[in-house]
Amino acid sequence: MSSPRRNARGSTAARVSPRRRPSQERSRAMVERILDAGRQVLAEYGYEGASTSRIATTAGISPGSLYQYFPHKDAIVSAVLERYSDTLVSSVTTRMSGHFEQPAPVIVRATLAALLEGLDVEPPLLRAAVEHGPRLDDGRALRAFEQRIGELVRAYLTTQRGGLRPDAPLDTAVWMLVRTVEHLTVRYLLDRPLIPREQFLEELTRLALNYLRPAP
């Protein structure tokens, strides 16, 4: 099935929405069943191999039943990636929340480790999010992810304001840190360079801390 394209009838984001919103418990359970199957198929076969027929078979339902809830593959993939992003943010939030009193090197490294671990659970999902996510929803999920992670970083930096570079505006620091860490972490996992994971974490932690620290 061909991917939806933007046209005069509406944006891509609107056209990858589920066909109908589940209102009853049985319908919600069916949507979860389809999304679980979609995630499993996407993780095993990648985006190109994640056909609606394969997803329906994995879910144990007919293609007709699947189409009652999702009009095409991209609608399923978009919903799977949104749930993937929510899970990742929850993991990072759990690691950071309530630990702001820890020394900066400890919490920064722990947070980066949580991000790295979360992104690396199912590499095909990460690749699908990077390569197809922006096309499926106009980058909405990525922006939401960056905003939520940015809010956590902002909350932490606010508590540490006295130890930060006085010449670094908070908004600038948050934007720079979130996108730098995001880009380097994603490229590390997709490119698989010959850099041990612990060394990568150490260097990324040092990069973040050195950016924030006042000049000697």
N, C-alpha and C. Protein backbone atom coordinates (compact mmCIF):
# COMPACT_ATOMS: atom_id res chain seq x y z
N MET A 1 0.85 -1.19 0.00
CA MET A 1 0.00 0.00 0.00
C MET A 1 0.88 1.23 0.00
N SER A 2 0.57 2.17 -0.85
CA SER A 2 1.42 3.35 -0.96
C SER A 2 1.25 4.24 0.24
N SER A 3 2.29 5.02 0.54
CA SER A 3 2.26 5.93 1.67
C SER A 3 1.42 7.14 1.33
N PRO A 4 0.74 7.76 2.32
CA PRO A 4 -0.06 8.94 2.05
C PRO A 4 0.82 10.11 1.70
N ARG A 5 0.35 10.96 0.81
CA ARG A 5 1.08 12.15 0.43
C ARG A 5 0.24 13.37 0.74
N ARG A 6 0.93 14.46 1.03
CA ARG A 6 0.25 15.71 1.31
C ARG A 6 -0.45 16.19 0.06
N ASN A 7 -1.71 16.59 0.17
CA ASN A 7 -2.40 17.17 -0.98
C ASN A 7 -3.43 18.16 -0.48
N ALA A 8 -4.28 18.61 -1.39
CA ALA A 8 -5.21 19.67 -1.04
C ALA A 8 -6.26 19.22 -0.05
N ARG A 9 -6.43 17.92 0.11
CA ARG A 9 -7.49 17.44 1.00
C ARG A 9 -7.10 17.49 2.46
N GLY A 10 -5.83 17.68 2.76
CA GLY A 10 -5.45 17.75 4.16
C GLY A 10 -4.00 17.43 4.35
N SER A 11 -3.49 17.68 5.55
CA SER A 11 -2.09 17.46 5.83
C SER A 11 -1.81 15.98 6.01
N THR A 12 -0.53 15.63 5.90
CA THR A 12 -0.12 14.25 6.13
C THR A 12 -0.47 13.82 7.54
N ALA A 13 -0.25 14.71 8.52
CA ALA A 13 -0.52 14.37 9.92
C ALA A 13 -1.97 13.96 10.11
N ALA A 14 -2.89 14.67 9.45
CA ALA A 14 -4.30 14.34 9.60
C ALA A 14 -4.62 12.99 8.98
N ARG A 15 -3.94 12.65 7.88
CA ARG A 15 -4.28 11.45 7.15
C ARG A 15 -3.65 10.19 7.72
N VAL A 16 -2.74 10.31 8.69
CA VAL A 16 -2.20 9.11 9.32
C VAL A 16 -2.86 8.85 10.66
N SER A 17 -3.92 9.57 10.98
CA SER A 17 -4.66 9.34 12.21
C SER A 17 -5.47 8.05 12.08
N PRO A 18 -5.76 7.41 13.22
CA PRO A 18 -6.61 6.21 13.16
C PRO A 18 -7.94 6.52 12.49
N ARG A 19 -8.52 5.49 11.84
CA ARG A 19 -9.79 5.69 11.14
C ARG A 19 -10.89 6.07 12.12
N ARG A 20 -10.89 5.45 13.29
CA ARG A 20 -11.87 5.83 14.30
C ARG A 20 -11.24 5.73 15.68
N ARG A 21 -11.68 6.58 16.57
CA ARG A 21 -11.16 6.60 17.93
C ARG A 21 -11.89 5.56 18.78
N PRO A 22 -11.16 4.73 19.51
CA PRO A 22 -11.84 3.71 20.33
C PRO A 22 -12.59 4.34 21.49
N SER A 23 -13.87 4.02 21.60
CA SER A 23 -14.69 4.61 22.66
C SER A 23 -15.12 3.58 23.68
N GLN A 24 -15.11 2.32 23.34
CA GLN A 24 -15.50 1.28 24.26
C GLN A 24 -14.29 0.43 24.63
N GLU A 25 -14.41 -0.26 25.75
CA GLU A 25 -13.29 -1.06 26.23
C GLU A 25 -12.85 -2.09 25.20
N ARG A 26 -13.81 -2.71 24.54
CA ARG A 26 -13.47 -3.73 23.55
C ARG A 26 -12.72 -3.11 22.37
N SER A 27 -13.17 -1.93 21.95
CA SER A 27 -12.50 -1.24 20.84
C SER A 27 -11.09 -0.81 21.24
N ARG A 28 -10.94 -0.31 22.47
CA ARG A 28 -9.62 0.09 22.94
C ARG A 28 -8.68 -1.10 23.00
N ALA A 29 -9.22 -2.24 23.43
CA ALA A 29 -8.40 -3.45 23.49
C ALA A 29 -7.95 -3.88 22.09
N MET A 30 -8.82 -3.71 21.10
CA MET A 30 -8.46 -4.07 19.73
C MET A 30 -7.37 -3.15 19.19
N VAL A 31 -7.48 -1.86 19.49
CA VAL A 31 -6.45 -0.92 19.05
C VAL A 31 -5.10 -1.28 19.68
N GLU A 32 -5.10 -1.59 20.97
CA GLU A 32 -3.86 -1.98 21.64
C GLU A 32 -3.30 -3.26 21.02
N ARG A 33 -4.18 -4.16 20.66
CA ARG A 33 -3.75 -5.42 20.04
C ARG A 33 -3.08 -5.15 18.69
N ILE A 34 -3.66 -4.27 17.92
CA ILE A 34 -3.09 -3.92 16.62
C ILE A 34 -1.76 -3.21 16.79
N LEU A 35 -1.68 -2.30 17.76
CA LEU A 35 -0.44 -1.56 17.97
C LEU A 35 0.67 -2.47 18.50
N ASP A 36 0.31 -3.42 19.36
CA ASP A 36 1.31 -4.38 19.84
C ASP A 36 1.86 -5.20 18.66
N ALA A 37 0.96 -5.62 17.79
CA ALA A 37 1.38 -6.37 16.61
C ALA A 37 2.21 -5.50 15.68
N GLY A 38 1.80 -4.24 15.52
CA GLY A 38 2.54 -3.33 14.67
C GLY A 38 3.95 -3.11 15.18
N ARG A 39 4.09 -2.97 16.48
CA ARG A 39 5.43 -2.79 17.05
C ARG A 39 6.27 -4.04 16.84
N GLN A 40 5.67 -5.20 17.05
CA GLN A 40 6.40 -6.46 16.89
C GLN A 40 6.86 -6.64 15.44
N VAL A 41 5.97 -6.38 14.50
CA VAL A 41 6.31 -6.53 13.08
C VAL A 41 7.34 -5.49 12.65
N LEU A 42 7.17 -4.26 13.11
CA LEU A 42 8.11 -3.20 12.76
C LEU A 42 9.50 -3.51 13.30
N ALA A 43 9.56 -4.03 14.52
CA ALA A 43 10.85 -4.37 15.13
C ALA A 43 11.51 -5.54 14.41
N GLU A 44 10.71 -6.47 13.91
CA GLU A 44 11.27 -7.68 13.29
C GLU A 44 11.59 -7.48 11.81
N TYR A 45 10.73 -6.75 11.10
CA TYR A 45 10.87 -6.65 9.65
C TYR A 45 11.24 -5.25 9.15
N GLY A 46 11.22 -4.25 10.05
CA GLY A 46 11.50 -2.90 9.61
C GLY A 46 10.30 -2.28 8.92
N TYR A 47 10.43 -1.01 8.56
CA TYR A 47 9.30 -0.30 7.96
C TYR A 47 8.85 -0.94 6.64
N GLU A 48 9.79 -1.25 5.77
CA GLU A 48 9.43 -1.77 4.45
C GLU A 48 8.70 -3.10 4.55
N GLY A 49 9.05 -3.91 5.54
CA GLY A 49 8.42 -5.22 5.66
C GLY A 49 7.17 -5.24 6.52
N ALA A 50 6.81 -4.09 7.06
CA ALA A 50 5.65 -4.03 7.97
C ALA A 50 4.37 -3.76 7.19
N SER A 51 3.89 -4.77 6.48
CA SER A 51 2.66 -4.62 5.71
C SER A 51 1.45 -4.76 6.63
N THR A 52 0.32 -4.21 6.19
CA THR A 52 -0.91 -4.34 6.98
C THR A 52 -1.32 -5.81 7.09
N SER A 53 -1.07 -6.58 6.04
CA SER A 53 -1.40 -8.01 6.07
C SER A 53 -0.59 -8.73 7.15
N ARG A 54 0.69 -8.41 7.22
CA ARG A 54 1.55 -9.05 8.23
C ARG A 54 1.16 -8.62 9.64
N ILE A 55 0.81 -7.36 9.79
CA ILE A 55 0.39 -6.85 11.10
C ILE A 55 -0.92 -7.52 11.53
N ALA A 56 -1.86 -7.65 10.59
CA ALA A 56 -3.14 -8.29 10.90
C ALA A 56 -2.93 -9.75 11.31
N THR A 57 -2.07 -10.45 10.58
CA THR A 57 -1.79 -11.85 10.90
C THR A 57 -1.18 -11.98 12.28
N THR A 58 -0.23 -11.10 12.60
CA THR A 58 0.41 -11.13 13.91
C THR A 58 -0.59 -10.83 15.02
N ALA A 59 -1.54 -9.95 14.74
CA ALA A 59 -2.57 -9.59 15.73
C ALA A 59 -3.65 -10.66 15.83
N GLY A 60 -3.67 -11.60 14.88
CA GLY A 60 -4.69 -12.65 14.89
C GLY A 60 -6.05 -12.17 14.46
N ILE A 61 -6.09 -11.18 13.56
CA ILE A 61 -7.35 -10.66 13.07
C ILE A 61 -7.31 -10.59 11.55
N SER A 62 -8.43 -10.32 10.94
CA SER A 62 -8.48 -10.20 9.48
C SER A 62 -8.06 -8.79 9.08
N PRO A 63 -7.56 -8.63 7.84
CA PRO A 63 -7.24 -7.28 7.37
C PRO A 63 -8.45 -6.35 7.44
N GLY A 64 -9.64 -6.90 7.18
CA GLY A 64 -10.84 -6.08 7.25
C GLY A 64 -11.07 -5.50 8.63
N SER A 65 -10.82 -6.31 9.66
CA SER A 65 -10.96 -5.81 11.03
C SER A 65 -9.94 -4.73 11.33
N LEU A 66 -8.72 -4.91 10.83
CA LEU A 66 -7.68 -3.90 11.03
C LEU A 66 -8.08 -2.58 10.40
N TYR A 67 -8.64 -2.63 9.18
CA TYR A 67 -8.99 -1.40 8.47
C TYR A 67 -10.16 -0.66 9.11
N GLN A 68 -10.87 -1.31 10.01
CA GLN A 68 -11.92 -0.60 10.73
C GLN A 68 -11.33 0.43 11.69
N TYR A 69 -10.06 0.22 12.06
CA TYR A 69 -9.43 1.11 13.04
C TYR A 69 -8.31 1.95 12.44
N PHE A 70 -7.62 1.43 11.45
CA PHE A 70 -6.52 2.15 10.82
C PHE A 70 -6.64 2.05 9.30
N PRO A 71 -6.61 3.18 8.60
CA PRO A 71 -6.85 3.17 7.15
C PRO A 71 -5.70 2.59 6.33
N HIS A 72 -4.48 2.59 6.88
CA HIS A 72 -3.33 2.10 6.13
C HIS A 72 -2.15 1.88 7.08
N LYS A 73 -1.08 1.35 6.54
CA LYS A 73 0.09 1.02 7.35
C LYS A 73 0.66 2.23 8.07
N ASP A 74 0.77 3.34 7.38
CA ASP A 74 1.41 4.51 7.98
C ASP A 74 0.67 5.01 9.21
N ALA A 75 -0.64 4.83 9.25
CA ALA A 75 -1.40 5.23 10.43
C ALA A 75 -1.00 4.37 11.63
N ILE A 76 -0.77 3.08 11.38
CA ILE A 76 -0.35 2.18 12.46
C ILE A 76 1.06 2.54 12.91
N VAL A 77 1.96 2.71 11.94
CA VAL A 77 3.35 3.02 12.27
C VAL A 77 3.43 4.33 13.05
N SER A 78 2.67 5.33 12.64
CA SER A 78 2.67 6.61 13.34
C SER A 78 2.24 6.44 14.79
N ALA A 79 1.19 5.64 15.03
CA ALA A 79 0.71 5.41 16.39
C ALA A 79 1.72 4.61 17.21
N VAL A 80 2.37 3.63 16.57
CA VAL A 80 3.39 2.84 17.26
C VAL A 80 4.56 3.73 17.68
N LEU A 81 4.99 4.62 16.79
CA LEU A 81 6.12 5.49 17.10
C LEU A 81 5.76 6.51 18.18
N GLU A 82 4.51 6.95 18.19
CA GLU A 82 4.08 7.88 19.24
C GLU A 82 4.14 7.19 20.61
N ARG A 83 3.69 5.95 20.65
CA ARG A 83 3.73 5.20 21.91
C ARG A 83 5.18 4.91 22.32
N TYR A 84 6.02 4.63 21.34
CA TYR A 84 7.45 4.40 21.58
C TYR A 84 8.09 5.64 22.20
N SER A 85 7.74 6.81 21.67
CA SER A 85 8.27 8.07 22.20
C SER A 85 7.79 8.30 23.62
N ASP A 86 6.52 8.02 23.90
CA ASP A 86 5.98 8.20 25.24
C ASP A 86 6.70 7.32 26.25
N THR A 87 6.97 6.07 25.86
CA THR A 87 7.67 5.14 26.75
C THR A 87 9.08 5.64 27.05
N LEU A 88 9.74 6.15 26.03
CA LEU A 88 11.11 6.64 26.19
C LEU A 88 11.14 7.85 27.13
N VAL A 89 10.22 8.78 26.93
CA VAL A 89 10.17 9.96 27.79
C VAL A 89 9.89 9.55 29.24
N SER A 90 9.00 8.58 29.44
CA SER A 90 8.70 8.12 30.79
C SER A 90 9.93 7.52 31.46
N SER A 91 10.73 6.79 30.68
CA SER A 91 11.94 6.18 31.22
C SER A 91 12.94 7.25 31.67
N VAL A 92 13.13 8.26 30.83
CA VAL A 92 14.07 9.33 31.17
C VAL A 92 13.54 10.15 32.35
N THR A 93 12.22 10.39 32.36
CA THR A 93 11.62 11.15 33.45
C THR A 93 11.81 10.44 34.78
N THR A 94 11.61 9.13 34.78
CA THR A 94 11.79 8.35 36.00
C THR A 94 13.22 8.44 36.51
N ARG A 95 14.16 8.42 35.57
CA ARG A 95 15.58 8.47 35.95
C ARG A 95 15.95 9.84 36.53
N MET A 96 15.33 10.90 36.02
CA MET A 96 15.70 12.25 36.46
C MET A 96 14.90 12.74 37.66
N SER A 97 13.61 12.48 37.65
CA SER A 97 12.72 13.07 38.65
C SER A 97 13.11 12.63 40.07
N GLY A 98 13.12 13.60 40.96
CA GLY A 98 13.41 13.30 42.35
C GLY A 98 14.88 13.11 42.65
N HIS A 99 15.75 13.32 41.64
CA HIS A 99 17.18 13.11 41.87
C HIS A 99 17.99 14.37 41.53
N PHE A 100 17.32 15.50 41.52
CA PHE A 100 18.00 16.74 41.15
C PHE A 100 19.08 17.13 42.15
N GLU A 101 19.02 16.56 43.36
CA GLU A 101 20.00 16.94 44.37
C GLU A 101 21.33 16.21 44.17
N GLN A 102 21.37 15.23 43.30
CA GLN A 102 22.61 14.51 43.05
C GLN A 102 23.62 15.39 42.32
N PRO A 103 24.91 15.10 42.47
CA PRO A 103 25.93 15.87 41.75
C PRO A 103 25.69 15.82 40.25
N ALA A 104 26.00 16.91 39.57
CA ALA A 104 25.74 17.00 38.13
C ALA A 104 26.32 15.83 37.33
N PRO A 105 27.57 15.42 37.56
CA PRO A 105 28.10 14.30 36.77
C PRO A 105 27.29 13.02 36.92
N VAL A 106 26.72 12.81 38.11
CA VAL A 106 25.96 11.58 38.36
C VAL A 106 24.63 11.60 37.62
N ILE A 107 23.87 12.68 37.78
CA ILE A 107 22.54 12.71 37.17
C ILE A 107 22.63 12.87 35.65
N VAL A 108 23.62 13.61 35.16
CA VAL A 108 23.76 13.77 33.71
C VAL A 108 24.10 12.43 33.07
N ARG A 109 25.04 11.71 33.65
CA ARG A 109 25.41 10.41 33.08
C ARG A 109 24.24 9.42 33.17
N ALA A 110 23.54 9.41 34.31
CA ALA A 110 22.41 8.49 34.47
C ALA A 110 21.31 8.79 33.46
N THR A 111 21.06 10.07 33.22
CA THR A 111 20.03 10.46 32.26
C THR A 111 20.42 10.06 30.85
N LEU A 112 21.67 10.30 30.49
CA LEU A 112 22.15 9.93 29.15
C LEU A 112 22.12 8.41 28.98
N ALA A 113 22.44 7.68 30.03
CA ALA A 113 22.39 6.22 29.96
C ALA A 113 20.96 5.73 29.75
N ALA A 114 20.00 6.37 30.43
CA ALA A 114 18.59 5.99 30.27
C ALA A 114 18.12 6.26 28.85
N LEU A 115 18.54 7.39 28.28
CA LEU A 115 18.18 7.72 26.91
C LEU A 115 18.77 6.70 25.94
N LEU A 116 20.03 6.39 26.13
CA LEU A 116 20.72 5.44 25.25
C LEU A 116 20.07 4.06 25.34
N GLU A 117 19.79 3.61 26.55
CA GLU A 117 19.18 2.29 26.74
C GLU A 117 17.79 2.24 26.12
N GLY A 118 17.01 3.30 26.34
CA GLY A 118 15.65 3.33 25.80
C GLY A 118 15.62 3.31 24.29
N LEU A 119 16.51 4.06 23.66
CA LEU A 119 16.55 4.12 22.20
C LEU A 119 17.06 2.82 21.59
N ASP A 120 17.85 2.08 22.36
CA ASP A 120 18.50 0.88 21.82
C ASP A 120 17.71 -0.39 22.07
N VAL A 121 16.54 -0.29 22.68
CA VAL A 121 15.75 -1.49 22.97
C VAL A 121 15.35 -2.19 21.68
N GLU A 122 14.87 -1.43 20.71
CA GLU A 122 14.44 -1.98 19.43
C GLU A 122 14.95 -1.08 18.31
N PRO A 123 16.16 -1.30 17.84
CA PRO A 123 16.76 -0.44 16.82
C PRO A 123 15.89 -0.21 15.58
N PRO A 124 15.14 -1.21 15.08
CA PRO A 124 14.30 -0.93 13.91
C PRO A 124 13.25 0.15 14.18
N LEU A 125 12.76 0.24 15.42
CA LEU A 125 11.81 1.30 15.74
C LEU A 125 12.49 2.65 15.70
N LEU A 126 13.71 2.71 16.20
CA LEU A 126 14.46 3.96 16.15
C LEU A 126 14.70 4.38 14.71
N ARG A 127 15.11 3.43 13.87
CA ARG A 127 15.36 3.76 12.47
C ARG A 127 14.08 4.23 11.78
N ALA A 128 12.97 3.57 12.07
CA ALA A 128 11.70 3.99 11.48
C ALA A 128 11.32 5.39 11.95
N ALA A 129 11.57 5.67 13.23
CA ALA A 129 11.24 7.00 13.76
C ALA A 129 12.07 8.08 13.08
N VAL A 130 13.35 7.79 12.85
CA VAL A 130 14.25 8.78 12.25
C VAL A 130 13.96 8.95 10.76
N GLU A 131 13.78 7.84 10.06
CA GLU A 131 13.66 7.88 8.60
C GLU A 131 12.25 8.18 8.11
N HIS A 132 11.24 7.78 8.88
CA HIS A 132 9.86 7.92 8.39
C HIS A 132 8.98 8.78 9.28
N GLY A 133 9.37 8.95 10.55
CA GLY A 133 8.54 9.72 11.47
C GLY A 133 8.20 11.12 10.98
N PRO A 134 9.20 11.92 10.56
CA PRO A 134 8.90 13.29 10.11
C PRO A 134 7.94 13.33 8.92
N ARG A 135 8.02 12.34 8.04
CA ARG A 135 7.12 12.30 6.88
C ARG A 135 5.70 11.92 7.30
N LEU A 136 5.59 11.06 8.29
CA LEU A 136 4.28 10.55 8.68
C LEU A 136 3.44 11.60 9.40
N ASP A 137 4.08 12.40 10.25
CA ASP A 137 3.28 13.34 11.05
C ASP A 137 3.84 14.75 11.04
N ASP A 138 4.57 15.09 9.98
CA ASP A 138 5.14 16.44 9.85
C ASP A 138 6.08 16.78 11.00
N GLY A 139 6.69 15.76 11.61
CA GLY A 139 7.64 16.00 12.70
C GLY A 139 7.00 16.28 14.04
N ARG A 140 5.69 16.07 14.15
CA ARG A 140 4.98 16.40 15.39
C ARG A 140 5.48 15.59 16.57
N ALA A 141 5.67 14.28 16.38
CA ALA A 141 6.10 13.42 17.48
C ALA A 141 7.51 13.79 17.95
N LEU A 142 8.39 14.10 16.99
CA LEU A 142 9.75 14.49 17.35
C LEU A 142 9.75 15.79 18.14
N ARG A 143 8.97 16.75 17.70
CA ARG A 143 8.91 18.03 18.43
C ARG A 143 8.34 17.83 19.83
N ALA A 144 7.34 16.96 19.95
CA ALA A 144 6.76 16.69 21.27
C ALA A 144 7.78 16.02 22.18
N PHE A 145 8.55 15.09 21.62
CA PHE A 145 9.59 14.42 22.39
C PHE A 145 10.64 15.43 22.86
N GLU A 146 11.11 16.27 21.95
CA GLU A 146 12.12 17.27 22.31
C GLU A 146 11.59 18.26 23.34
N GLN A 147 10.32 18.61 23.23
CA GLN A 147 9.74 19.54 24.19
C GLN A 147 9.67 18.94 25.58
N ARG A 148 9.25 17.68 25.67
CA ARG A 148 9.10 17.05 26.98
C ARG A 148 10.46 16.80 27.63
N ILE A 149 11.44 16.37 26.84
CA ILE A 149 12.79 16.20 27.39
C ILE A 149 13.35 17.57 27.77
N GLY A 150 13.07 18.57 26.94
CA GLY A 150 13.54 19.92 27.23
C GLY A 150 12.98 20.46 28.54
N GLU A 151 11.73 20.12 28.85
CA GLU A 151 11.14 20.57 30.11
C GLU A 151 11.86 19.96 31.30
N LEU A 152 12.25 18.69 31.18
CA LEU A 152 13.01 18.05 32.25
C LEU A 152 14.37 18.71 32.42
N VAL A 153 15.05 18.95 31.30
CA VAL A 153 16.37 19.58 31.36
C VAL A 153 16.26 20.98 31.95
N ARG A 154 15.22 21.71 31.55
CA ARG A 154 15.02 23.06 32.08
C ARG A 154 14.81 23.03 33.59
N ALA A 155 13.99 22.08 34.05
CA ALA A 155 13.72 21.98 35.49
C ALA A 155 15.01 21.71 36.25
N TYR A 156 15.84 20.82 35.70
CA TYR A 156 17.11 20.51 36.37
C TYR A 156 18.04 21.71 36.36
N LEU A 157 18.20 22.34 35.20
CA LEU A 157 19.12 23.47 35.10
C LEU A 157 18.68 24.64 35.98
N THR A 158 17.37 24.78 36.17
CA THR A 158 16.87 25.85 37.04
C THR A 158 17.36 25.64 38.47
N THR A 159 17.40 24.39 38.91
CA THR A 159 17.87 24.11 40.28
C THR A 159 19.38 24.27 40.40
N GLN A 160 20.08 24.23 39.26
CA GLN A 160 21.54 24.31 39.27
C GLN A 160 22.05 25.64 38.73
N ARG A 161 21.18 26.63 38.68
CA ARG A 161 21.51 27.88 37.99
C ARG A 161 22.79 28.52 38.51
N GLY A 162 23.03 28.40 39.80
CA GLY A 162 24.20 29.04 40.38
C GLY A 162 25.51 28.47 39.88
N GLY A 163 25.48 27.22 39.41
CA GLY A 163 26.72 26.59 38.97
C GLY A 163 26.90 26.57 37.46
N LEU A 164 26.01 27.27 36.73
CA LEU A 164 26.09 27.28 35.28
C LEU A 164 26.82 28.51 34.76
N ARG A 165 27.22 28.43 33.52
CA ARG A 165 27.85 29.59 32.88
C ARG A 165 26.89 30.78 32.94
N PRO A 166 27.33 31.91 33.44
CA PRO A 166 26.44 33.07 33.52
C PRO A 166 26.09 33.63 32.16
N ASP A 167 26.90 33.31 31.13
CA ASP A 167 26.64 33.86 29.80
C ASP A 167 25.77 32.95 28.95
N ALA A 168 25.24 31.87 29.52
CA ALA A 168 24.41 30.93 28.76
C ALA A 168 22.94 31.13 29.13
N PRO A 169 22.15 31.80 28.27
CA PRO A 169 20.71 31.93 28.54
C PRO A 169 20.08 30.55 28.67
N LEU A 170 19.14 30.41 29.59
CA LEU A 170 18.55 29.11 29.88
C LEU A 170 17.91 28.49 28.64
N ASP A 171 17.14 29.27 27.89
CA ASP A 171 16.48 28.74 26.69
C ASP A 171 17.51 28.22 25.69
N THR A 172 18.59 28.95 25.53
CA THR A 172 19.63 28.54 24.59
C THR A 172 20.29 27.25 25.06
N ALA A 173 20.61 27.18 26.35
CA ALA A 173 21.28 26.00 26.89
C ALA A 173 20.41 24.75 26.72
N VAL A 174 19.11 24.87 27.00
CA VAL A 174 18.21 23.73 26.88
C VAL A 174 18.14 23.27 25.43
N TRP A 175 17.95 24.21 24.51
CA TRP A 175 17.84 23.86 23.09
C TRP A 175 19.11 23.18 22.60
N MET A 176 20.25 23.74 22.93
CA MET A 176 21.53 23.19 22.48
C MET A 176 21.76 21.79 23.05
N LEU A 177 21.52 21.62 24.33
CA LEU A 177 21.79 20.33 24.97
C LEU A 177 20.88 19.23 24.43
N VAL A 178 19.58 19.50 24.38
CA VAL A 178 18.64 18.47 23.95
C VAL A 178 18.95 18.00 22.54
N ARG A 179 19.17 18.92 21.63
CA ARG A 179 19.37 18.52 20.23
C ARG A 179 20.76 17.95 19.97
N THR A 180 21.75 18.42 20.70
CA THR A 180 23.09 17.84 20.55
C THR A 180 23.12 16.40 21.05
N VAL A 181 22.58 16.19 22.24
CA VAL A 181 22.55 14.84 22.81
C VAL A 181 21.69 13.91 21.96
N GLU A 182 20.54 14.41 21.54
CA GLU A 182 19.65 13.59 20.71
C GLU A 182 20.35 13.16 19.42
N HIS A 183 20.97 14.09 18.74
CA HIS A 183 21.62 13.77 17.47
C HIS A 183 22.76 12.78 17.65
N LEU A 184 23.63 13.04 18.61
CA LEU A 184 24.78 12.17 18.81
C LEU A 184 24.36 10.76 19.25
N THR A 185 23.36 10.68 20.11
CA THR A 185 22.90 9.38 20.59
C THR A 185 22.27 8.57 19.46
N VAL A 186 21.42 9.22 18.68
CA VAL A 186 20.78 8.52 17.56
C VAL A 186 21.81 8.06 16.54
N ARG A 187 22.76 8.93 16.21
CA ARG A 187 23.77 8.54 15.22
C ARG A 187 24.66 7.42 15.75
N TYR A 188 24.95 7.44 17.04
CA TYR A 188 25.77 6.37 17.63
C TYR A 188 25.06 5.03 17.47
N LEU A 189 23.76 5.01 17.72
CA LEU A 189 23.02 3.75 17.67
C LEU A 189 22.76 3.29 16.24
N LEU A 190 22.57 4.21 15.32
CA LEU A 190 22.30 3.82 13.94
C LEU A 190 23.58 3.50 13.17
N ASP A 191 24.63 4.27 13.42
CA ASP A 191 25.88 4.08 12.68
C ASP A 191 26.76 2.98 13.28
N ARG A 192 26.58 2.71 14.58
CA ARG A 192 27.37 1.70 15.28
C ARG A 192 28.88 1.87 15.05
N PRO A 193 29.42 3.04 15.42
CA PRO A 193 30.87 3.25 15.27
C PRO A 193 31.64 2.35 16.23
N LEU A 194 32.93 2.19 15.97
CA LEU A 194 33.76 1.33 16.82
C LEU A 194 34.19 2.07 18.08
N ILE A 195 33.19 2.50 18.83
CA ILE A 195 33.41 3.21 20.09
C ILE A 195 32.67 2.43 21.18
N PRO A 196 33.35 1.94 22.19
CA PRO A 196 32.65 1.22 23.26
C PRO A 196 31.57 2.09 23.89
N ARG A 197 30.49 1.47 24.29
CA ARG A 197 29.36 2.22 24.84
C ARG A 197 29.76 3.06 26.05
N GLU A 198 30.55 2.48 26.95
CA GLU A 198 30.95 3.23 28.14
C GLU A 198 31.79 4.45 27.77
N GLN A 199 32.63 4.29 26.76
CA GLN A 199 33.43 5.43 26.33
C GLN A 199 32.55 6.51 25.71
N PHE A 200 31.58 6.08 24.92
CA PHE A 200 30.65 7.05 24.33
C PHE A 200 29.90 7.81 25.41
N LEU A 201 29.40 7.09 26.42
CA LEU A 201 28.69 7.75 27.51
C LEU A 201 29.59 8.72 28.27
N GLU A 202 30.82 8.31 28.48
CA GLU A 202 31.76 9.16 29.19
C GLU A 202 32.02 10.46 28.42
N GLU A 203 32.23 10.33 27.11
CA GLU A 203 32.51 11.51 26.29
C GLU A 203 31.29 12.41 26.16
N LEU A 204 30.11 11.81 26.04
CA LEU A 204 28.90 12.60 25.92
C LEU A 204 28.60 13.34 27.22
N THR A 205 28.84 12.67 28.34
CA THR A 205 28.66 13.31 29.65
C THR A 205 29.62 14.48 29.80
N ARG A 206 30.88 14.27 29.41
CA ARG A 206 31.87 15.33 29.50
C ARG A 206 31.50 16.52 28.61
N LEU A 207 31.01 16.21 27.41
CA LEU A 207 30.61 17.28 26.49
C LEU A 207 29.51 18.14 27.11
N ALA A 208 28.48 17.49 27.68
CA ALA A 208 27.36 18.22 28.27
C ALA A 208 27.81 19.05 29.47
N LEU A 209 28.62 18.44 30.33
CA LEU A 209 29.07 19.15 31.53
C LEU A 209 29.98 20.33 31.18
N ASN A 210 30.87 20.13 30.23
CA ASN A 210 31.79 21.21 29.86
C ASN A 210 31.05 22.37 29.21
N TYR A 211 29.96 22.07 28.51
CA TYR A 211 29.17 23.15 27.92
C TYR A 211 28.51 24.01 29.00
N LEU A 212 28.11 23.36 30.09
CA LEU A 212 27.36 24.07 31.13
C LEU A 212 28.24 24.78 32.15
N ARG A 213 29.44 24.27 32.36
CA ARG A 213 30.28 24.81 33.44
C ARG A 213 30.84 26.19 33.10
N PRO A 214 30.95 27.03 34.12
CA PRO A 214 31.58 28.34 33.91
C PRO A 214 33.05 28.16 33.51
N ALA A 215 33.55 29.07 32.74
CA ALA A 215 34.96 29.02 32.35
C ALA A 215 35.83 29.22 33.59
N PRO A 216 36.96 28.52 33.69
CA PRO A 216 37.83 28.66 34.87
C PRO A 216 38.43 30.06 34.95
